[in-house]
C-alpha atoms as a PDB file:
ATOM      1  CA  MET A   1      -5.252  -2.724  20.969  1.00  0.00           C
ATOM      2  CA  GLN A   2      -5.264  -5.171  18.018  1.00  0.00           C
ATOM      3  CA  ALA A   3      -8.175  -3.226  16.508  1.00  0.00           C
ATOM      4  CA  LEU A   4      -6.195   0.009  16.765  1.00  0.00           C
ATOM      5  CA  TRP A   5      -3.133  -1.623  15.202  1.00  0.00           C
ATOM      6  CA  MET A   6      -5.182  -2.741  12.198  1.00  0.00           C
ATOM      7  CA  ILE A   7      -6.810   0.675  11.759  1.00  0.00           C
ATOM      8  CA  ALA A   8      -3.387   2.339  11.894  1.00  0.00           C
ATOM      9  CA  GLY A   9      -2.038  -0.157   9.369  1.00  0.00           C
ATOM     10  CA  SER A  10      -4.979   0.524   7.053  1.00  0.00           C
ATOM     11  CA  PHE A  11      -4.230   4.248   7.200  1.00  0.00           C
ATOM     12  CA  PHE A  12      -0.575   3.730   6.286  1.00  0.00           C
ATOM     13  CA  PHE A  13      -1.429   1.383   3.405  1.00  0.00           C
ATOM     14  CA  ALA A  14      -4.061   3.743   1.999  1.00  0.00           C
ATOM     15  CA  THR A  15      -1.542   6.581   2.074  1.00  0.00           C
ATOM     16  CA  MET A  16       1.036   4.345   0.425  1.00  0.00           C
ATOM     17  CA  ALA A  17      -1.451   3.483  -2.355  1.00  0.00           C
ATOM     18  CA  VAL A  18      -1.771   7.181  -3.194  1.00  0.00           C
ATOM     19  CA  CYS A  19       2.028   7.447  -3.482  1.00  0.00           C
ATOM     20  CA  VAL A  20       2.161   4.296  -5.626  1.00  0.00           C
ATOM     21  CA  LYS A  21      -0.455   5.775  -7.950  1.00  0.00           C
ATOM     22  CA  PHE A  22       1.749   8.810  -8.542  1.00  0.00           C
ATOM     23  CA  ALA A  23       5.008   6.828  -8.762  1.00  0.00           C
ATOM     24  CA  SER A  24       3.567   4.319 -11.268  1.00  0.00           C
ATOM     25  CA  GLN A  25       3.708   7.084 -13.878  1.00  0.00           C
ATOM     26  CA  TRP A  26       7.504   6.713 -13.947  1.00  0.00           C
ATOM     27  CA  PHE A  27       8.284   3.260 -12.476  1.00  0.00           C
ATOM     28  CA  HIS A  28       6.868  -0.172 -13.299  1.00  0.00           C
ATOM     29  CA  SER A  29       5.611  -2.556 -10.618  1.00  0.00           C
ATOM     30  CA  SER A  30       8.842  -4.591 -10.267  1.00  0.00           C
ATOM     31  CA  GLU A  31      10.835  -1.419  -9.581  1.00  0.00           C
ATOM     32  CA  LEU A  32       8.321  -0.265  -6.990  1.00  0.00           C
ATOM     33  CA  VAL A  33       8.443  -3.664  -5.266  1.00  0.00           C
ATOM     34  CA  PHE A  34      12.254  -3.661  -5.354  1.00  0.00           C
ATOM     35  CA  TRP A  35      12.736  -0.197  -3.895  1.00  0.00           C
ATOM     36  CA  ARG A  36      10.046  -0.758  -1.311  1.00  0.00           C
ATOM     37  CA  GLY A  37      11.928  -3.876  -0.242  1.00  0.00           C
ATOM     38  CA  VAL A  38      15.423  -2.340  -0.179  1.00  0.00           C
ATOM     39  CA  LEU A  39      14.414   0.798   1.703  1.00  0.00           C
ATOM     40  CA  GLY A  40      12.154  -1.251   3.967  1.00  0.00           C
ATOM     41  CA  MET A  41      15.046  -3.545   4.883  1.00  0.00           C
ATOM     42  CA  LEU A  42      17.164  -0.573   5.937  1.00  0.00           C
ATOM     43  CA  LEU A  43      14.343   0.856   8.035  1.00  0.00           C
ATOM     44  CA  LEU A  44      13.559  -2.478   9.693  1.00  0.00           C
ATOM     45  CA  TRP A  45      17.229  -3.150  10.358  1.00  0.00           C
ATOM     46  CA  ALA A  46      17.460   0.214  12.131  1.00  0.00           C
ATOM     47  CA  ILE A  47      14.332  -0.542  14.167  1.00  0.00           C
ATOM     48  CA  ALA A  48      15.654  -3.985  15.155  1.00  0.00           C
ATOM     49  CA  ARG A  49      18.992  -2.485  16.157  1.00  0.00           C
ATOM     50  CA  TYR A  50      17.243   0.151  18.259  1.00  0.00           C
ATOM     51  CA  GLN A  51      15.152  -2.549  19.937  1.00  0.00           C
ATOM     52  CA  ARG A  52      18.270  -4.752  20.365  1.00  0.00           C
ATOM     53  CA  GLN A  53      16.400  -7.519  18.629  1.00  0.00           C
ATOM     54  CA  SER A  54      18.109 -10.240  16.617  1.00  0.00           C
ATOM     55  CA  LEU A  55      16.971 -10.773  13.017  1.00  0.00           C
ATOM     56  CA  ALA A  56      18.106 -14.418  13.044  1.00  0.00           C
ATOM     57  CA  THR A  57      15.199 -16.857  12.792  1.00  0.00           C
ATOM     58  CA  ARG A  58      14.559 -20.525  13.478  1.00  0.00           C
ATOM     59  CA  TYR A  59      11.749 -20.621  10.925  1.00  0.00           C
ATOM     60  CA  PRO A  60      13.309 -19.745   7.540  1.00  0.00           C
ATOM     61  CA  ALA A  61      10.851 -21.909   5.590  1.00  0.00           C
ATOM     62  CA  MET A  62       7.841 -20.144   7.118  1.00  0.00           C
ATOM     63  CA  HIS A  63       9.328 -16.749   6.303  1.00  0.00           C
ATOM     64  CA  ALA A  64      10.151 -17.902   2.768  1.00  0.00           C
ATOM     65  CA  TRP A  65       6.548 -18.954   2.125  1.00  0.00           C
ATOM     66  CA  ARG A  66       5.186 -15.755   3.635  1.00  0.00           C
ATOM     67  CA  SER A  67       7.558 -13.703   1.459  1.00  0.00           C
ATOM     68  CA  LEU A  68       6.694 -15.655  -1.704  1.00  0.00           C
ATOM     69  CA  VAL A  69       2.932 -15.191  -1.497  1.00  0.00           C
ATOM     70  CA  GLY A  70       3.330 -11.684  -0.089  1.00  0.00           C
ATOM     71  CA  VAL A  71       5.563 -10.508  -2.926  1.00  0.00           C
ATOM     72  CA  ILE A  72       3.204 -11.990  -5.532  1.00  0.00           C
ATOM     73  CA  SER A  73       0.321 -10.151  -3.896  1.00  0.00           C
ATOM     74  CA  LEU A  74       2.295  -6.907  -3.627  1.00  0.00           C
ATOM     75  CA  GLY A  75       3.432  -6.987  -7.242  1.00  0.00           C
ATOM     76  CA  ALA A  76      -0.080  -7.752  -8.460  1.00  0.00           C
ATOM     77  CA  TRP A  77      -1.536  -4.901  -6.408  1.00  0.00           C
ATOM     78  CA  PHE A  78       1.053  -2.385  -7.617  1.00  0.00           C
ATOM     79  CA  TYR A  79       0.429  -3.474 -11.201  1.00  0.00           C
ATOM     80  CA  SER A  80      -3.333  -3.030 -10.853  1.00  0.00           C
ATOM     81  CA  ILE A  81      -2.889   0.409  -9.241  1.00  0.00           C
ATOM     82  CA  GLY A  82      -0.975   1.514 -12.313  1.00  0.00           C
ATOM     83  CA  PHE A  83      -3.677   0.413 -14.784  1.00  0.00           C
ATOM     84  CA  LEU A  84      -6.949   0.688 -12.851  1.00  0.00           C
ATOM     85  CA  PRO A  85      -8.692   3.506 -10.994  1.00  0.00           C
ATOM     86  CA  LEU A  86      -7.367   3.608  -7.441  1.00  0.00           C
ATOM     87  CA  ALA A  87     -10.807   2.811  -5.989  1.00  0.00           C
ATOM     88  CA  THR A  88     -11.183  -0.300  -8.155  1.00  0.00           C
ATOM     89  CA  SER A  89      -7.693  -1.577  -7.386  1.00  0.00           C
ATOM     90  CA  MET A  90      -8.135  -1.104  -3.633  1.00  0.00           C
ATOM     91  CA  THR A  91     -11.507  -2.848  -3.718  1.00  0.00           C
ATOM     92  CA  LEU A  92     -10.085  -5.917  -5.444  1.00  0.00           C
ATOM     93  CA  ASN A  93      -7.140  -6.077  -3.050  1.00  0.00           C
ATOM     94  CA  TYR A  94      -9.389  -5.694  -0.014  1.00  0.00           C
ATOM     95  CA  MET A  95     -11.273  -8.833  -0.999  1.00  0.00           C
ATOM     96  CA  SER A  96      -8.534 -10.613   0.963  1.00  0.00           C
ATOM     97  CA  SER A  97     -10.730 -10.368   4.068  1.00  0.00           C
ATOM     98  CA  VAL A  98     -13.457 -12.371   2.360  1.00  0.00           C
ATOM     99  CA  TRP A  99     -10.888 -14.938   1.234  1.00  0.00           C
ATOM    100  CA  VAL A 100      -9.541 -15.218   4.815  1.00  0.00           C
ATOM    101  CA  ALA A 101     -13.042 -15.930   6.107  1.00  0.00           C
ATOM    102  CA  ALA A 102     -13.670 -18.475   3.353  1.00  0.00           C
ATOM    103  CA  PHE A 103     -10.408 -20.301   4.123  1.00  0.00           C
ATOM    104  CA  LEU A 104     -11.063 -20.448   7.856  1.00  0.00           C
ATOM    105  CA  ILE A 105     -14.655 -21.597   7.628  1.00  0.00           C
ATOM    106  CA  GLY A 106     -13.923 -23.967   4.739  1.00  0.00           C
ATOM    107  CA  GLY A 107     -11.080 -25.582   6.679  1.00  0.00           C
ATOM    108  CA  ALA A 108     -13.272 -25.873   9.780  1.00  0.00           C
ATOM    109  CA  LEU A 109     -16.015 -27.582   7.770  1.00  0.00           C
ATOM    110  CA  MET A 110     -13.545 -30.075   6.274  1.00  0.00           C
ATOM    111  CA  ASN A 111     -12.112 -30.997   9.691  1.00  0.00           C
ATOM    112  CA  TRP A 112     -15.357 -30.859  11.675  1.00  0.00           C
ATOM    113  CA  ASP A 113     -16.453 -34.093  13.309  1.00  0.00           C
ATOM    114  CA  PRO A 114     -20.188 -33.863  14.137  1.00  0.00           C
ATOM    115  CA  LYS A 115     -19.777 -36.717  16.642  1.00  0.00           C
ATOM    116  CA  GLN A 116     -17.593 -34.559  18.870  1.00  0.00           C
ATOM    117  CA  ALA A 117     -19.269 -32.026  21.109  1.00  0.00           C
ATOM    118  CA  GLY A 118     -18.512 -28.342  20.547  1.00  0.00           C
ATOM    119  CA  GLY A 119     -16.255 -26.740  17.995  1.00  0.00           C
ATOM    120  CA  SER A 120     -18.924 -26.413  15.316  1.00  0.00           C
ATOM    121  CA  PRO A 121     -17.775 -24.069  12.528  1.00  0.00           C
ATOM    122  CA  LEU A 122     -21.298 -22.688  12.426  1.00  0.00           C
ATOM    123  CA  ARG A 123     -20.491 -20.838  15.633  1.00  0.00           C
ATOM    124  CA  GLN A 124     -18.381 -18.421  13.580  1.00  0.00           C
ATOM    125  CA  GLY A 125     -21.095 -17.826  11.012  1.00  0.00           C
ATOM    126  CA  ALA A 126     -22.042 -14.445  12.431  1.00  0.00           C
ATOM    127  CA  LEU A 127     -18.443 -13.295  12.133  1.00  0.00           C
ATOM    128  CA  VAL A 128     -18.305 -14.325   8.499  1.00  0.00           C
ATOM    129  CA  LEU A 129     -21.466 -12.316   7.894  1.00  0.00           C
ATOM    130  CA  THR A 130     -19.802  -9.232   9.348  1.00  0.00           C
ATOM    131  CA  VAL A 131     -16.889  -9.625   6.955  1.00  0.00           C
ATOM    132  CA  LEU A 132     -19.263 -10.025   4.031  1.00  0.00           C
ATOM    133  CA  ALA A 133     -21.218  -7.005   5.253  1.00  0.00           C
ATOM    134  CA  GLY A 134     -17.993  -5.037   5.234  1.00  0.00           C
ATOM    135  CA  PHE A 135     -17.380  -5.994   1.632  1.00  0.00           C
ATOM    136  CA  THR A 136     -20.942  -4.947   0.788  1.00  0.00           C
ATOM    137  CA  GLY A 137     -20.016  -1.569   2.218  1.00  0.00           C
ATOM    138  CA  VAL A 138     -16.984  -1.515  -0.081  1.00  0.00           C
ATOM    139  CA  ILE A 139     -19.240  -2.081  -3.088  1.00  0.00           C
ATOM    140  CA  LEU A 140     -21.654   0.649  -1.990  1.00  0.00           C
ATOM    141  CA  MET A 141     -18.867   3.124  -1.403  1.00  0.00           C
ATOM    142  CA  LEU A 142     -16.662   2.494  -4.427  1.00  0.00           C
ATOM    143  CA  ARG A 143     -18.974   0.804  -6.944  1.00  0.00           C
ATOM    144  CA  PRO A 144     -15.977  -0.457  -8.941  1.00  0.00           C
ATOM    145  CA  THR A 145     -16.319  -0.887 -12.694  1.00  0.00           C
ATOM    146  CA  ILE A 146     -13.853  -2.509 -15.064  1.00  0.00           C
ATOM    147  CA  ALA A 147     -13.755  -1.585 -18.743  1.00  0.00           C
ATOM    148  CA  GLN A 148     -13.065  -4.278 -21.325  1.00  0.00           C
ATOM    149  CA  ASN A 149      -9.534  -3.007 -21.953  1.00  0.00           C
ATOM    150  CA  GLN A 150      -8.836  -3.248 -18.207  1.00  0.00           C
ATOM    151  CA  LEU A 151      -9.965  -6.853 -17.793  1.00  0.00           C
ATOM    152  CA  PHE A 152      -6.435  -8.284 -17.470  1.00  0.00           C
ATOM    153  CA  ALA A 153      -5.457  -5.703 -14.862  1.00  0.00           C
ATOM    154  CA  GLY A 154      -8.714  -6.481 -13.041  1.00  0.00           C
ATOM    155  CA  LEU A 155      -7.847 -10.182 -12.898  1.00  0.00           C
ATOM    156  CA  ILE A 156      -4.383  -9.309 -11.591  1.00  0.00           C
ATOM    157  CA  GLY A 157      -5.993  -7.127  -8.929  1.00  0.00           C
ATOM    158  CA  LEU A 158      -8.306  -9.964  -7.941  1.00  0.00           C
ATOM    159  CA  MET A 159      -5.284 -12.265  -7.635  1.00  0.00           C
ATOM    160  CA  SER A 160      -3.634  -9.726  -5.334  1.00  0.00           C
ATOM    161  CA  GLY A 161      -6.503 -10.121  -2.875  1.00  0.00           C
ATOM    162  CA  LEU A 162      -6.396 -13.913  -3.016  1.00  0.00           C
ATOM    163  CA  THR A 163      -2.640 -14.165  -2.438  1.00  0.00           C
ATOM    164  CA  ALA A 164      -2.830 -11.479   0.273  1.00  0.00           C
ATOM    165  CA  ALA A 165      -5.165 -13.782   2.187  1.00  0.00           C
ATOM    166  CA  PHE A 166      -2.544 -16.560   2.081  1.00  0.00           C
ATOM    167  CA  ALA A 167       0.085 -14.081   3.273  1.00  0.00           C
ATOM    168  CA  TYR A 168      -2.076 -12.904   6.174  1.00  0.00           C
ATOM    169  CA  MET A 169      -2.721 -16.477   7.264  1.00  0.00           C
ATOM    170  CA  GLN A 170       1.033 -17.096   7.307  1.00  0.00           C
ATOM    171  CA  VAL A 171       1.552 -13.914   9.333  1.00  0.00           C
ATOM    172  CA  MET A 172      -0.830 -15.343  11.900  1.00  0.00           C
ATOM    173  CA  ALA A 173       1.113 -18.632  11.936  1.00  0.00           C
ATOM    174  CA  LEU A 174       4.416 -16.815  12.462  1.00  0.00           C
ATOM    175  CA  GLY A 175       2.876 -14.920  15.355  1.00  0.00           C
ATOM    176  CA  LYS A 176       1.742 -18.164  16.947  1.00  0.00           C
ATOM    177  CA  VAL A 177       5.303 -19.549  16.965  1.00  0.00           C
ATOM    178  CA  GLY A 178       6.573 -16.380  18.605  1.00  0.00           C
ATOM    179  CA  GLU A 179       8.227 -14.502  15.746  1.00  0.00           C
ATOM    180  CA  PRO A 180       8.348 -10.756  16.549  1.00  0.00           C
ATOM    181  CA  GLU A 181       6.751  -8.288  14.151  1.00  0.00           C
ATOM    182  CA  THR A 182      10.008  -6.560  13.224  1.00  0.00           C
ATOM    183  CA  ARG A 183      11.654  -9.810  12.144  1.00  0.00           C
ATOM    184  CA  THR A 184       8.634 -10.927  10.106  1.00  0.00           C
ATOM    185  CA  VAL A 185       8.418  -7.622   8.254  1.00  0.00           C
ATOM    186  CA  PHE A 186      12.204  -7.543   7.682  1.00  0.00           C
ATOM    187  CA  TYR A 187      12.171 -10.895   5.882  1.00  0.00           C
ATOM    188  CA  PHE A 188       9.182  -9.820   3.822  1.00  0.00           C
ATOM    189  CA  ALA A 189      11.109  -6.688   2.794  1.00  0.00           C
ATOM    190  CA  MET A 190      14.044  -8.910   1.858  1.00  0.00           C
ATOM    191  CA  GLY A 191      11.747 -11.073  -0.240  1.00  0.00           C
ATOM    192  CA  SER A 192      10.365  -7.949  -1.910  1.00  0.00           C
ATOM    193  CA  ALA A 193      13.869  -6.795  -2.818  1.00  0.00           C
ATOM    194  CA  VAL A 194      14.740 -10.182  -4.308  1.00  0.00           C
ATOM    195  CA  GLY A 195      11.418 -10.542  -6.136  1.00  0.00           C
ATOM    196  CA  GLY A 196      11.576  -6.991  -7.470  1.00  0.00           C
ATOM    197  CA  ALA A 197      15.151  -7.494  -8.682  1.00  0.00           C
ATOM    198  CA  LEU A 198      14.142 -10.638 -10.569  1.00  0.00           C
ATOM    199  CA  GLY A 199      11.273  -8.738 -12.156  1.00  0.00           C
ATOM    200  CA  MET A 200      13.605  -5.923 -13.179  1.00  0.00           C
ATOM    201  CA  LEU A 201      15.820  -8.428 -15.004  1.00  0.00           C
ATOM    202  CA  VAL A 202      12.814  -9.146 -17.213  1.00  0.00           C
ATOM    203  CA  GLU A 203      11.213  -5.695 -17.465  1.00  0.00           C
ATOM    204  CA  GLY A 204      14.349  -3.577 -17.343  1.00  0.00           C
ATOM    205  CA  MET A 205      14.785  -0.246 -15.556  1.00  0.00           C
ATOM    206  CA  SER A 206      13.028   3.043 -16.145  1.00  0.00           C
ATOM    207  CA  PRO A 207      15.010   6.264 -16.768  1.00  0.00           C
ATOM    208  CA  TRP A 208      16.160   7.656 -13.416  1.00  0.00           C
ATOM    209  CA  ASN A 209      14.951  11.063 -12.276  1.00  0.00           C
ATOM    210  CA  TRP A 210      15.597  12.234  -8.725  1.00  0.00           C
ATOM    211  CA  ALA A 211      12.385  14.267  -8.575  1.00  0.00           C
ATOM    212  CA  HIS A 212      10.350  11.197  -9.503  1.00  0.00           C
ATOM    213  CA  ALA A 213      12.431   8.922  -7.274  1.00  0.00           C
ATOM    214  CA  MET A 214      11.424  10.935  -4.200  1.00  0.00           C
ATOM    215  CA  TRP A 215       8.092   9.073  -4.307  1.00  0.00           C
ATOM    216  CA  LEU A 216       9.944   5.850  -3.483  1.00  0.00           C
ATOM    217  CA  VAL A 217      10.842   7.007   0.035  1.00  0.00           C
ATOM    218  CA  PRO A 218       7.310   7.524   1.426  1.00  0.00           C
ATOM    219  CA  ILE A 219       6.204   4.287  -0.275  1.00  0.00           C
ATOM    220  CA  ALA A 220       8.855   2.312   1.607  1.00  0.00           C
ATOM    221  CA  VAL A 221       8.362   4.079   4.951  1.00  0.00           C
ATOM    222  CA  LEU A 222       4.559   3.880   4.876  1.00  0.00           C
ATOM    223  CA  ALA A 223       4.719   0.255   3.739  1.00  0.00           C
ATOM    224  CA  ALA A 224       7.018  -0.712   6.600  1.00  0.00           C
ATOM    225  CA  LEU A 225       4.856   1.073   9.166  1.00  0.00           C
ATOM    226  CA  GLY A 226       1.677  -0.469   7.741  1.00  0.00           C
ATOM    227  CA  GLN A 227       3.258  -3.909   7.631  1.00  0.00           C
ATOM    228  CA  LEU A 228       4.369  -3.662  11.253  1.00  0.00           C
ATOM    229  CA  CYS A 229       0.875  -2.673  12.363  1.00  0.00           C
ATOM    230  CA  MET A 230      -0.800  -5.358  10.263  1.00  0.00           C
ATOM    231  CA  THR A 231       1.623  -8.047  11.442  1.00  0.00           C
ATOM    232  CA  ARG A 232       1.010  -7.231  15.096  1.00  0.00           C
ATOM    233  CA  ALA A 233      -2.757  -7.183  14.572  1.00  0.00           C
ATOM    234  CA  TYR A 234      -2.870 -10.539  12.790  1.00  0.00           C
ATOM    235  CA  SER A 235      -0.364 -12.269  15.060  1.00  0.00           C
ATOM    236  CA  LYS A 236      -2.038 -11.178  18.308  1.00  0.00           C
ATOM    237  CA  GLY A 237      -5.710 -10.727  17.428  1.00  0.00           C
ATOM    238  CA  PRO A 238      -8.622 -12.904  16.229  1.00  0.00           C
ATOM    239  CA  THR A 239      -8.191 -13.316  12.477  1.00  0.00           C
ATOM    240  CA  LEU A 240     -11.756 -12.642  11.345  1.00  0.00           C
ATOM    241  CA  VAL A 241     -12.064  -9.541  13.508  1.00  0.00           C
ATOM    242  CA  VAL A 242      -8.812  -8.144  12.158  1.00  0.00           C
ATOM    243  CA  ALA A 243      -9.898  -8.982   8.610  1.00  0.00           C
ATOM    244  CA  SER A 244     -13.091  -6.997   9.091  1.00  0.00           C
ATOM    245  CA  LEU A 245     -11.294  -3.969  10.514  1.00  0.00           C
ATOM    246  CA  GLN A 246      -9.031  -3.951   7.469  1.00  0.00           C
ATOM    247  CA  TYR A 247     -11.890  -2.266   5.579  1.00  0.00           C
ATOM    248  CA  PHE A 248     -11.068   0.983   7.331  1.00  0.00           C
ATOM    249  CA  GLY A 249      -8.461   1.409   4.602  1.00  0.00           C
ATOM    250  CA  LEU A 250     -11.283   2.118   2.173  1.00  0.00           C
ATOM    251  CA  VAL A 251     -12.594   4.857   4.446  1.00  0.00           C
ATOM    252  CA  PHE A 252      -9.183   6.517   4.404  1.00  0.00           C
ATOM    253  CA  GLY A 253      -9.076   6.024   0.645  1.00  0.00           C
ATOM    254  CA  ALA A 254     -12.374   7.870   0.294  1.00  0.00           C
ATOM    255  CA  ILE A 255     -11.056  10.753   2.359  1.00  0.00           C
ATOM    256  CA  TYR A 256      -8.020  10.982   0.094  1.00  0.00           C
ATOM    257  CA  SER A 257     -10.264  10.912  -2.970  1.00  0.00           C
ATOM    258  CA  VAL A 258     -12.243  13.910  -1.692  1.00  0.00           C
ATOM    259  CA  THR A 259      -9.345  15.977  -0.369  1.00  0.00           C
ATOM    260  CA  LEU A 260      -6.637  15.213  -2.938  1.00  0.00           C
ATOM    261  CA  PHE A 261      -8.461  14.434  -6.155  1.00  0.00           C
ATOM    262  CA  GLY A 262     -11.729  16.318  -5.723  1.00  0.00           C
ATOM    263  CA  ASP A 263     -13.896  13.215  -6.144  1.00  0.00           C
ATOM    264  CA  ALA A 264     -17.521  13.433  -4.992  1.00  0.00           C
ATOM    265  CA  ILE A 265     -18.901  10.697  -2.704  1.00  0.00           C
ATOM    266  CA  THR A 266     -22.598   9.969  -3.147  1.00  0.00           C
ATOM    267  CA  LEU A 267     -25.113   9.193  -0.432  1.00  0.00           C
ATOM    268  CA  LEU A 268     -24.644   5.491  -1.185  1.00  0.00           C
ATOM    269  CA  GLY A 269     -20.933   5.987  -0.719  1.00  0.00           C
ATOM    270  CA  TRP A 270     -21.343   7.446   2.745  1.00  0.00           C
ATOM    271  CA  ALA A 271     -23.763   4.622   3.579  1.00  0.00           C
ATOM    272  CA  GLY A 272     -21.099   2.160   2.530  1.00  0.00           C
ATOM    273  CA  MET A 273     -18.556   3.815   4.811  1.00  0.00           C
ATOM    274  CA  ALA A 274     -20.989   3.547   7.726  1.00  0.00           C
ATOM    275  CA  LEU A 275     -21.557  -0.135   6.956  1.00  0.00           C
ATOM    276  CA  ILE A 276     -17.811  -0.764   6.905  1.00  0.00           C
ATOM    277  CA  VAL A 277     -17.333   0.802  10.336  1.00  0.00           C
ATOM    278  CA  ALA A 278     -20.397  -0.992  11.728  1.00  0.00           C
ATOM    279  CA  SER A 279     -19.159  -4.355  10.483  1.00  0.00           C
ATOM    280  CA  GLY A 280     -15.843  -3.841  12.268  1.00  0.00           C
ATOM    281  CA  ILE A 281     -17.550  -2.999  15.546  1.00  0.00           C
ATOM    282  CA  ALA A 282     -19.956  -5.930  15.184  1.00  0.00           C
ATOM    283  CA  ALA A 283     -17.091  -8.328  14.506  1.00  0.00           C
ATOM    284  CA  THR A 284     -15.311  -7.203  17.667  1.00  0.00           C
ATOM    285  CA  VAL A 285     -18.426  -7.756  19.789  1.00  0.00           C
ATOM    286  CA  LEU A 286     -19.318 -11.098  18.211  1.00  0.00           C
ATOM    287  CA  ARG A 287     -15.789 -12.481  18.458  1.00  0.00           C
ATOM    288  CA  SER A 288     -15.779 -11.937  22.220  1.00  0.00           C
ATOM    289  CA  ARG A 289     -18.670 -14.414  22.433  1.00  0.00           C
ATOM    290  CA  ALA A 290     -17.130 -17.021  20.129  1.00  0.00           C
ATOM    291  CA  ALA A 291     -15.861 -20.399  21.296  1.00  0.00           C
ATOM    292  CA  PRO A 292     -12.278 -20.385  22.632  1.00  0.00           C
ATOM    293  CA  ASN A 293     -11.363 -23.327  20.361  1.00  0.00           C
ATOM    294  CA  ALA A 294     -12.445 -21.658  17.131  1.00  0.00           C
ATOM    295  CA  PRO A 295     -10.328 -22.649  14.122  1.00  0.00           C
ATOM    296  CA  ALA A 296      -8.917 -19.134  13.744  1.00  0.00           C
ATOM    297  CA  GLU A 297      -7.141 -19.514  17.083  1.00  0.00           C
ATOM    298  CA  GLU A 298      -5.599 -22.937  16.527  1.00  0.00           C
ATOM    299  CA  HIS A 299      -2.886 -22.124  13.952  1.00  0.00           C
END
């Protein structure tokens, strides 16, 4: 089920990215983050009320850190979507899976005691290879290029992937202490509203137009749904497997490119899509054979 949750979340986020691309013509990134947060809070509050679930938490510091890195990542991604081709921006953001793998394996290597039997970080090497194979598929499918005048936006997009990895790791930690998905996503939406408001104090507000503002609603709804699915996947499933399945978002992005924007996908592009799907399946199979005390399961 965790695999299905991640695939569903990838679909919602890819759809949201299309809406952000359109909305960025009339709203800057801080406004998009703010309205996503405000509308997301209302939606999550309604869901929590329906589920009769309290939004009070015993881990405010953990939620604050998750919101901080998550809002930085979100703002950076929205900014890059506005200035880069959608395929390039999504590719840079989806590097978070590679960063997650690097953090987990790097931490395992630092804490590994060769004198103790078992628990070798090398036992997860095959999983890391599947994540890297998935990113190779991303390169084949999207072949991102950055022009000189887009270098700054490219660096911001790269930062979005790095900070997203920190956010995902914190989502996993919140899941381990028993925080429900609705509560975790609610506090992230609250952080987005606060972070977006602070950004608007610096950047100002764009002229309001109700026709343009209609794009804000699907952004918030799709973001909340995607966040709920992603949170459940990361809090309940093996981290590296979930990270690999995240690449399905690029498959959905390719479908949108063909159907909505008339983009042509080359043979290499289709090969990349196949590699992405294969890496997700391989990660699921390999993780079932991994050691029960793998570092990804200890946080």
